[in-house]
Amino acid sequence: ENSLPGAVYIPAYYYRGSRFYIHTGYRAARCLNVHIQYGQYLYEGKKETGTGNDRVEGNLRSDVKVQVDLCF
């Protein structure tokens, strides 16, 4: 899976399901780049995912990543 520039991301997949993600980047100025990634897991047959404070009710889990690059 491609992640934000300069980042290494190897997701650990458990259970059955699927994942999709959308990644976009925008060059706002010569020295300002913004990258945004939204991803979502859909687990088959699960009523909740995670444990403790990371627990989510339902079979969907989403994540958002934002990176801002500035040069000087």
C-alpha atoms as a PDB file:
ATOM      1  CA  GLU A   1       0.000   0.000   0.000  1.00  0.00           C
ATOM      2  CA  ASN A   2       1.323   3.432  -0.873  1.00  0.00           C
ATOM      3  CA  SER A   3       1.455   5.788   2.065  1.00  0.00           C
ATOM      4  CA  LEU A   4       2.443   9.398   2.555  1.00  0.00           C
ATOM      5  CA  PRO A   5       5.778  10.447   0.985  1.00  0.00           C
ATOM      6  CA  GLY A   6       8.731   9.407   3.104  1.00  0.00           C
ATOM      7  CA  ALA A   7       6.642   7.062   5.267  1.00  0.00           C
ATOM      8  CA  VAL A   8       6.732   3.293   5.329  1.00  0.00           C
ATOM      9  CA  TYR A   9       3.424   1.612   6.124  1.00  0.00           C
ATOM     10  CA  ILE A  10       2.890  -2.140   6.203  1.00  0.00           C
ATOM     11  CA  PRO A  11      -0.583  -2.808   7.597  1.00  0.00           C
ATOM     12  CA  ALA A  12      -1.248  -5.967   9.578  1.00  0.00           C
ATOM     13  CA  TYR A  13      -4.389  -7.603   8.237  1.00  0.00           C
ATOM     14  CA  TYR A  14      -6.439  -9.784  10.581  1.00  0.00           C
ATOM     15  CA  TYR A  15      -9.708 -11.559   9.902  1.00  0.00           C
ATOM     16  CA  ARG A  16     -11.546 -11.454   6.592  1.00  0.00           C
ATOM     17  CA  GLY A  17     -12.550  -8.246   4.896  1.00  0.00           C
ATOM     18  CA  SER A  18     -11.364  -5.550   2.562  1.00  0.00           C
ATOM     19  CA  ARG A  19      -9.645  -2.164   2.630  1.00  0.00           C
ATOM     20  CA  PHE A  20      -9.609   0.823   0.329  1.00  0.00           C
ATOM     21  CA  TYR A  21      -7.820   4.127   0.518  1.00  0.00           C
ATOM     22  CA  ILE A  22      -7.698   7.432  -1.323  1.00  0.00           C
ATOM     23  CA  HIS A  23      -4.480   9.416  -1.419  1.00  0.00           C
ATOM     24  CA  THR A  24      -4.180  12.912  -2.850  1.00  0.00           C
ATOM     25  CA  GLY A  25      -1.502  15.561  -2.844  1.00  0.00           C
ATOM     26  CA  TYR A  26      -1.599  19.284  -3.516  1.00  0.00           C
ATOM     27  CA  ARG A  27       1.224  21.711  -4.157  1.00  0.00           C
ATOM     28  CA  ALA A  28      -0.072  24.925  -2.595  1.00  0.00           C
ATOM     29  CA  ALA A  29       3.099  26.944  -3.214  1.00  0.00           C
ATOM     30  CA  ARG A  30       6.673  26.350  -4.342  1.00  0.00           C
ATOM     31  CA  CYS A  31       7.677  25.261  -0.824  1.00  0.00           C
ATOM     32  CA  LEU A  32       4.368  23.968   0.536  1.00  0.00           C
ATOM     33  CA  ASN A  33       3.009  20.492  -0.240  1.00  0.00           C
ATOM     34  CA  VAL A  34      -0.019  18.911   1.436  1.00  0.00           C
ATOM     35  CA  HIS A  35      -0.818  15.180   1.299  1.00  0.00           C
ATOM     36  CA  ILE A  36      -4.009  13.602   2.640  1.00  0.00           C
ATOM     37  CA  GLN A  37      -4.909   9.919   2.853  1.00  0.00           C
ATOM     38  CA  TYR A  38      -8.242   8.434   3.929  1.00  0.00           C
ATOM     39  CA  GLY A  39      -8.571   4.680   4.371  1.00  0.00           C
ATOM     40  CA  GLN A  40     -11.301   2.330   5.524  1.00  0.00           C
ATOM     41  CA  TYR A  41     -11.359  -1.315   6.614  1.00  0.00           C
ATOM     42  CA  LEU A  42     -14.542  -3.380   6.239  1.00  0.00           C
ATOM     43  CA  TYR A  43     -14.444  -6.553   8.339  1.00  0.00           C
ATOM     44  CA  GLU A  44     -16.759  -9.450   7.477  1.00  0.00           C
ATOM     45  CA  GLY A  45     -18.861 -10.819  10.336  1.00  0.00           C
ATOM     46  CA  LYS A  46     -17.390  -8.618  13.098  1.00  0.00           C
ATOM     47  CA  LYS A  47     -19.554  -6.669  15.568  1.00  0.00           C
ATOM     48  CA  GLU A  48     -16.621  -4.703  17.012  1.00  0.00           C
ATOM     49  CA  THR A  49     -12.909  -4.251  16.352  1.00  0.00           C
ATOM     50  CA  GLY A  50      -9.992  -3.339  18.591  1.00  0.00           C
ATOM     51  CA  THR A  51      -9.703  -3.403  22.381  1.00  0.00           C
ATOM     52  CA  GLY A  52      -9.714  -0.860  25.192  1.00  0.00           C
ATOM     53  CA  ASN A  53      -9.635   2.773  24.035  1.00  0.00           C
ATOM     54  CA  ASP A  54      -9.046   1.533  20.477  1.00  0.00           C
ATOM     55  CA  ARG A  55     -12.348  -0.393  20.356  1.00  0.00           C
ATOM     56  CA  VAL A  56     -14.832   0.515  17.617  1.00  0.00           C
ATOM     57  CA  GLU A  57     -18.449  -0.696  17.501  1.00  0.00           C
ATOM     58  CA  GLY A  58     -19.437  -2.133  14.128  1.00  0.00           C
ATOM     59  CA  ASN A  59     -17.446  -3.632  11.292  1.00  0.00           C
ATOM     60  CA  LEU A  60     -15.972  -0.419   9.795  1.00  0.00           C
ATOM     61  CA  ARG A  61     -12.706   1.188  10.858  1.00  0.00           C
ATOM     62  CA  SER A  62     -11.443   4.419   9.253  1.00  0.00           C
ATOM     63  CA  ASP A  63      -8.181   6.334   9.392  1.00  0.00           C
ATOM     64  CA  VAL A  64      -7.035   9.744   8.163  1.00  0.00           C
ATOM     65  CA  LYS A  65      -3.422  10.824   7.622  1.00  0.00           C
ATOM     66  CA  VAL A  66      -2.248  14.347   6.816  1.00  0.00           C
ATOM     67  CA  GLN A  67       1.270  15.482   5.969  1.00  0.00           C
ATOM     68  CA  VAL A  68       2.437  19.048   5.336  1.00  0.00           C
ATOM     69  CA  ASP A  69       5.884  19.574   3.793  1.00  0.00           C
ATOM     70  CA  LEU A  70       7.621  22.966   4.066  1.00  0.00           C
ATOM     71  CA  CYS A  71      10.996  23.922   2.680  1.00  0.00           C
ATOM     72  CA  PHE A  72      13.205  26.725   3.942  1.00  0.00           C
END
